[in-house]
Amino acid sequence: MIGNSSKASCASVVSKAAKLITAAGRALYADLVTARLSGLKATVCPDAERLSRQVDLLLVFGGDGTLLRVAREIAGSRTPILGINIGGLGFLTAVPSVEMPKALDAVWRGAFTFESRVLLQVSGTIDGQHIEKTALNDIVISRGIFSRLIELDLCVDGDPLTRYRCDGLIVSSPTGSTAYSLAAGGAVIFPTAKVLAVTPICPHTLSNRALILPITSAIQARVIDPKPATMLSADGQMIAECAAGDLIEIRRSRRSVRLMHLAGSSFCETLRRKLHWRGASL
């Protein structure tokens, strides 16, 4: 079990889950922070990566941000993740905390499937330092502290595409299509689709629309503006300030993560429930 210690209600939900798990005769493991948060009597591992080597399932308690962090930390692991949603919208944390007992019962009965999710990798040399980071949702190049447009030259597989003048650029995985990309006007993509999405944020040229690329594409973005105009982030976590001439490459990572889905759940059902899609005529 891994919980978000910054959420006030997390400790009680984790404690309830621990009782259900031990009552079912399963061995209980937790990372150090979660064990201390809820006073668990569990086998303790120092972090998510080492925890994933010891268990058959990772229960992640919190919101999508918590699950994104865990996904990055265990990238490449075959251990599946099941998210228990505490708080907000939660596209990735599939199980509301009030439904946790029913969800765990489904797990014990084997009423679940696994789904592999693509990770993104961003690499480049920024300020003389080589960087390489992984993300589940998206890589974002955006304007920094100044309220003005930034400029980016974009190539796909080495072929020049365009120069964007915009507030920023989002490269998202199918999983991340319902996050920042959706808010910026990008398409909703089924998480099993073999594509990447490039979505400009408030582009100066109105014909610069969201672009869907094959999953095999390598996207190169060259920064035009000097520091501190342009920032690079992965899953909302700041990586670096970019300088003019910095070249950033984004592609599919060789690693992936596995998410658990309970029987009866689907992406269509998630869209109906989370986005309140009804289909009724006006």
Protein backbone atom coordinates (compact mmCIF):
# COMPACT_ATOMS: atom_id res chain seq x y z
CA MET A 1 0.00 0.00 0.00
CA ILE A 2 1.12 3.53 -0.85
CA GLY A 3 -0.83 6.56 0.39
CA ASN A 4 -0.76 10.31 -0.09
CA SER A 5 0.27 11.68 3.29
CA SER A 6 -0.91 15.19 2.38
CA LYS A 7 -4.58 14.12 2.21
CA ALA A 8 -6.23 14.28 5.63
CA SER A 9 -8.61 11.39 4.98
CA CYS A 10 -5.95 9.05 3.63
CA ALA A 11 -4.87 7.55 6.95
CA SER A 12 -8.34 6.26 7.84
CA VAL A 13 -8.91 4.77 4.37
CA VAL A 14 -5.51 3.04 4.45
CA SER A 15 -6.24 1.65 7.92
CA LYS A 16 -9.59 0.29 6.74
CA ALA A 17 -7.91 -1.33 3.73
CA ALA A 18 -5.26 -2.89 5.98
CA LYS A 19 -7.96 -4.57 8.10
CA LEU A 20 -9.71 -5.93 5.01
CA ILE A 21 -6.44 -7.25 3.57
CA THR A 22 -5.31 -9.02 6.75
CA ALA A 23 -8.83 -10.40 7.33
CA ALA A 24 -8.64 -11.96 3.86
CA GLY A 25 -5.40 -13.71 4.83
CA ARG A 26 -3.19 -11.65 2.53
CA ALA A 27 0.27 -10.41 3.46
CA LEU A 28 0.42 -6.66 4.00
CA TYR A 29 3.29 -4.48 2.75
CA ALA A 30 3.65 -0.68 2.73
CA ASP A 31 6.16 2.01 1.98
CA LEU A 32 7.74 3.75 4.95
CA VAL A 33 5.68 6.96 4.76
CA THR A 34 2.36 5.11 4.52
CA ALA A 35 3.22 2.75 7.37
CA ARG A 36 4.02 5.70 9.63
CA LEU A 37 0.96 7.65 8.45
CA SER A 38 -1.50 4.96 9.50
CA GLY A 39 0.49 3.11 12.17
CA LEU A 40 0.39 -0.10 10.13
CA LYS A 41 1.66 -3.46 11.27
CA ALA A 42 3.11 -4.36 7.89
CA THR A 43 6.33 -5.33 6.19
CA VAL A 44 7.89 -1.98 5.36
CA CYS A 45 9.88 -1.08 2.24
CA PRO A 46 11.64 2.28 1.93
CA ASP A 47 10.10 3.32 -1.40
CA ALA A 48 7.69 2.36 -4.17
CA GLU A 49 10.33 0.84 -6.44
CA ARG A 50 11.54 -1.65 -3.85
CA LEU A 51 8.00 -2.27 -2.65
CA SER A 52 6.96 -3.29 -6.17
CA ARG A 53 9.55 -6.09 -6.16
CA GLN A 54 8.00 -7.70 -3.09
CA VAL A 55 4.27 -7.71 -3.84
CA ASP A 56 1.67 -8.96 -6.34
CA LEU A 57 -0.40 -5.75 -6.34
CA LEU A 58 0.20 -2.11 -5.43
CA LEU A 59 -2.78 -0.29 -3.90
CA VAL A 60 -2.27 3.46 -4.36
CA PHE A 61 -4.42 5.76 -2.18
CA GLY A 62 -4.84 9.39 -3.25
CA GLY A 63 -5.53 11.16 -6.52
CA ASP A 64 -4.13 10.88 -10.01
CA GLY A 65 -1.01 12.80 -8.94
CA THR A 66 -0.13 10.10 -6.44
CA LEU A 67 -0.62 7.36 -9.00
CA LEU A 68 1.46 9.25 -11.58
CA ARG A 69 4.31 9.52 -9.08
CA VAL A 70 4.19 5.80 -8.30
CA ALA A 71 4.03 4.93 -12.01
CA ARG A 72 7.20 6.93 -12.65
CA GLU A 73 8.99 5.37 -9.69
CA ILE A 74 8.20 1.76 -10.67
CA ALA A 75 8.47 2.26 -14.48
CA GLY A 76 9.19 -1.06 -16.14
CA SER A 77 7.85 -3.16 -13.26
CA ARG A 78 5.34 -5.92 -14.01
CA THR A 79 3.57 -5.33 -10.69
CA PRO A 80 0.09 -3.92 -11.41
CA ILE A 81 -1.37 -0.81 -9.77
CA LEU A 82 -4.93 -0.33 -8.52
CA GLY A 83 -5.78 3.27 -7.62
CA ILE A 84 -8.14 4.09 -4.72
CA ASN A 85 -9.47 7.60 -5.26
CA ILE A 86 -9.48 9.95 -2.28
CA GLY A 87 -10.69 13.41 -3.27
CA GLY A 88 -10.89 14.84 -6.80
CA LEU A 89 -11.82 13.72 -10.31
CA GLY A 90 -9.47 10.74 -10.53
CA PHE A 91 -9.30 9.33 -14.08
CA LEU A 92 -6.49 6.94 -13.12
CA THR A 93 -7.52 6.15 -9.54
CA ALA A 94 -10.40 3.99 -10.70
CA VAL A 95 -11.99 2.94 -7.39
CA PRO A 96 -13.77 5.52 -5.17
CA SER A 97 -12.77 5.02 -1.55
CA VAL A 98 -16.39 4.25 -0.54
CA GLU A 99 -16.36 1.29 -2.96
CA MET A 100 -13.05 -0.10 -1.71
CA PRO A 101 -14.47 -3.11 0.21
CA LYS A 102 -16.40 -4.24 -2.88
CA ALA A 103 -13.32 -3.67 -5.06
CA LEU A 104 -11.04 -5.72 -2.82
CA ASP A 105 -13.60 -8.53 -2.76
CA ALA A 106 -13.50 -8.51 -6.59
CA VAL A 107 -9.70 -8.74 -6.44
CA TRP A 108 -9.85 -11.77 -4.13
CA ARG A 109 -12.31 -13.42 -6.55
CA GLY A 110 -10.04 -12.76 -9.54
CA ALA A 111 -12.60 -10.48 -11.20
CA PHE A 112 -10.09 -8.19 -12.87
CA THR A 113 -7.91 -7.63 -15.93
CA PHE A 114 -4.56 -5.93 -16.49
CA GLU A 115 -3.88 -3.16 -18.98
CA SER A 116 -0.43 -2.03 -20.09
CA ARG A 117 0.02 1.74 -20.34
CA VAL A 118 2.61 3.52 -22.48
CA LEU A 119 5.15 5.78 -20.78
CA LEU A 120 6.81 8.81 -22.40
CA GLN A 121 10.51 9.60 -22.27
CA VAL A 122 11.96 13.09 -22.63
CA SER A 123 15.66 13.62 -23.14
CA GLY A 124 18.02 16.41 -24.15
CA THR A 125 20.86 18.64 -23.05
CA ILE A 126 19.73 21.67 -21.07
CA ASP A 127 22.18 24.20 -19.66
CA GLY A 128 24.98 21.77 -20.45
CA GLN A 129 23.38 18.95 -18.45
CA HIS A 130 21.91 15.81 -20.01
CA ILE A 131 18.38 15.15 -18.77
CA GLU A 132 16.22 12.07 -19.16
CA LYS A 133 12.83 11.72 -17.46
CA THR A 134 9.78 9.48 -17.70
CA ALA A 135 6.10 10.43 -17.60
CA LEU A 136 2.80 8.54 -17.75
CA ASN A 137 0.55 11.45 -18.75
CA ASP A 138 2.48 14.14 -20.58
CA ILE A 139 5.57 16.17 -21.27
CA VAL A 140 4.92 19.93 -21.35
CA ILE A 141 7.06 22.76 -22.72
CA SER A 142 5.50 26.00 -21.51
CA ARG A 143 6.12 29.67 -20.93
CA GLY A 144 7.87 30.54 -17.70
CA ILE A 145 7.51 33.60 -15.49
CA PHE A 146 6.74 36.03 -18.34
CA SER A 147 3.21 36.38 -19.72
CA ARG A 148 4.15 36.21 -23.37
CA LEU A 149 4.26 33.67 -26.16
CA ILE A 150 7.17 31.29 -26.57
CA GLU A 151 8.53 29.95 -29.87
CA LEU A 152 9.36 26.32 -30.59
CA ASP A 153 10.56 24.67 -33.80
CA LEU A 154 9.01 21.22 -34.05
CA CYS A 155 10.18 18.22 -36.09
CA VAL A 156 8.66 14.75 -36.29
CA ASP A 157 11.16 11.98 -36.99
CA GLY A 158 13.61 14.66 -38.12
CA ASP A 159 11.16 16.17 -40.63
CA PRO A 160 10.40 19.87 -39.94
CA LEU A 161 6.75 20.46 -39.08
CA THR A 162 6.23 24.07 -37.98
CA ARG A 163 7.32 26.87 -35.69
CA TYR A 164 4.80 27.22 -32.87
CA ARG A 165 4.15 30.59 -31.24
CA CYS A 166 2.06 29.66 -28.22
CA ASP A 167 1.79 29.52 -24.45
CA GLY A 168 3.19 26.01 -24.59
CA LEU A 169 3.10 22.55 -26.12
CA ILE A 170 1.78 19.30 -24.64
CA VAL A 171 2.94 15.89 -25.82
CA SER A 172 0.66 13.34 -24.21
CA SER A 173 0.34 9.59 -24.10
CA PRO A 174 -3.12 8.07 -24.66
CA THR A 175 -3.44 7.87 -20.86
CA GLY A 176 -2.71 11.60 -20.59
CA SER A 177 -5.25 12.65 -23.21
CA THR A 178 -7.85 13.26 -20.48
CA ALA A 179 -5.50 15.50 -18.47
CA TYR A 180 -3.88 18.81 -19.52
CA SER A 181 -4.25 17.97 -23.21
CA LEU A 182 -8.04 17.73 -22.90
CA ALA A 183 -8.17 21.09 -21.09
CA ALA A 184 -6.15 22.64 -23.94
CA GLY A 185 -8.57 21.37 -26.59
CA GLY A 186 -6.98 18.03 -27.44
CA ALA A 187 -8.87 14.86 -28.36
CA VAL A 188 -9.95 12.18 -25.91
CA ILE A 189 -7.98 9.04 -26.83
CA PHE A 190 -8.65 5.50 -25.70
CA PRO A 191 -5.75 4.53 -23.43
CA THR A 192 -4.98 1.39 -25.46
CA ALA A 193 -4.58 3.32 -28.75
CA LYS A 194 -1.08 3.24 -30.26
CA VAL A 195 -0.67 6.99 -30.76
CA LEU A 196 0.83 10.15 -29.27
CA ALA A 197 -0.91 13.53 -29.15
CA VAL A 198 0.68 16.95 -29.68
CA THR A 199 -1.51 19.80 -28.44
CA PRO A 200 -0.49 23.47 -28.60
CA ILE A 201 -1.61 25.71 -25.71
CA CYS A 202 -3.28 28.89 -26.99
CA PRO A 203 -1.42 28.97 -30.34
CA HIS A 204 -1.03 32.34 -32.08
CA THR A 205 -1.88 30.72 -35.43
CA LEU A 206 -5.42 29.36 -35.30
CA SER A 207 -4.63 26.63 -37.85
CA ASN A 208 -2.19 25.05 -35.34
CA ARG A 209 -4.50 22.30 -34.14
CA ALA A 210 -3.91 19.21 -32.03
CA LEU A 211 -2.00 16.52 -33.92
CA ILE A 212 -2.21 12.72 -33.54
CA LEU A 213 1.01 10.85 -34.36
CA PRO A 214 1.99 7.17 -34.53
CA ILE A 215 3.30 5.74 -31.26
CA THR A 216 6.68 5.17 -32.93
CA SER A 217 7.21 8.89 -33.62
CA ALA A 218 10.17 10.83 -32.25
CA ILE A 219 9.27 14.48 -31.59
CA GLN A 220 12.05 17.07 -31.52
CA ALA A 221 11.41 20.57 -30.16
CA ARG A 222 14.05 23.29 -30.39
CA VAL A 223 13.68 26.23 -28.00
CA ILE A 224 13.95 29.68 -29.61
CA ASP A 225 13.61 31.96 -26.57
CA PRO A 226 16.38 32.71 -24.03
CA LYS A 227 16.03 31.90 -20.33
CA PRO A 228 13.83 32.12 -18.29
CA ALA A 229 11.01 32.16 -20.85
CA THR A 230 10.57 28.39 -21.39
CA MET A 231 10.03 25.58 -18.87
CA LEU A 232 10.06 21.80 -19.26
CA SER A 233 7.97 19.52 -17.05
CA ALA A 234 6.92 15.87 -16.87
CA ASP A 235 3.55 14.91 -15.35
CA GLY A 236 3.38 18.41 -13.85
CA GLN A 237 6.79 18.11 -12.18
CA MET A 238 9.25 20.84 -13.15
CA ILE A 239 12.43 19.52 -14.81
CA ALA A 240 14.38 22.55 -16.03
CA GLU A 241 14.43 26.06 -17.46
CA CYS A 242 15.31 25.91 -21.13
CA ALA A 243 17.62 28.25 -23.04
CA ALA A 244 17.63 29.25 -26.70
CA GLY A 245 18.96 26.41 -28.85
CA ASP A 246 18.14 23.62 -26.39
CA LEU A 247 16.86 20.54 -28.23
CA ILE A 248 14.29 18.34 -26.50
CA GLU A 249 13.29 14.92 -27.80
CA ILE A 250 10.13 13.13 -26.72
CA ARG A 251 9.27 9.57 -27.66
CA ARG A 252 7.68 6.44 -26.31
CA SER A 253 9.66 4.93 -23.46
CA ARG A 254 10.82 1.34 -23.69
CA ARG A 255 9.26 0.86 -20.26
CA SER A 256 5.57 0.71 -19.35
CA VAL A 257 3.31 0.23 -16.33
CA ARG A 258 0.38 -2.11 -15.70
CA LEU A 259 -2.94 -0.93 -14.29
CA MET A 260 -5.57 -3.25 -12.80
CA HIS A 261 -9.17 -2.90 -13.97
CA LEU A 262 -12.06 -4.53 -12.15
CA ALA A 263 -14.59 -6.60 -14.06
CA GLY A 264 -17.41 -4.48 -15.46
CA SER A 265 -15.35 -1.30 -15.74
CA SER A 266 -14.51 0.33 -19.08
CA PHE A 267 -13.09 3.56 -20.47
CA CYS A 268 -16.53 4.45 -21.88
CA GLU A 269 -18.04 4.07 -18.41
CA THR A 270 -15.26 6.23 -16.97
CA LEU A 271 -15.99 9.01 -19.48
CA ARG A 272 -19.72 8.88 -18.72
CA ARG A 273 -19.13 9.02 -14.98
CA LYS A 274 -16.18 11.43 -14.75
CA LEU A 275 -17.19 13.87 -17.52
CA HIS A 276 -20.96 13.52 -16.93
CA TRP A 277 -21.64 12.49 -20.52
CA ARG A 278 -25.28 11.55 -20.89
CA GLY A 279 -26.17 11.37 -24.58
CA ALA A 280 -29.61 12.93 -24.06
CA SER A 281 -30.89 15.19 -26.84
CA LEU A 282 -31.31 18.90 -26.09
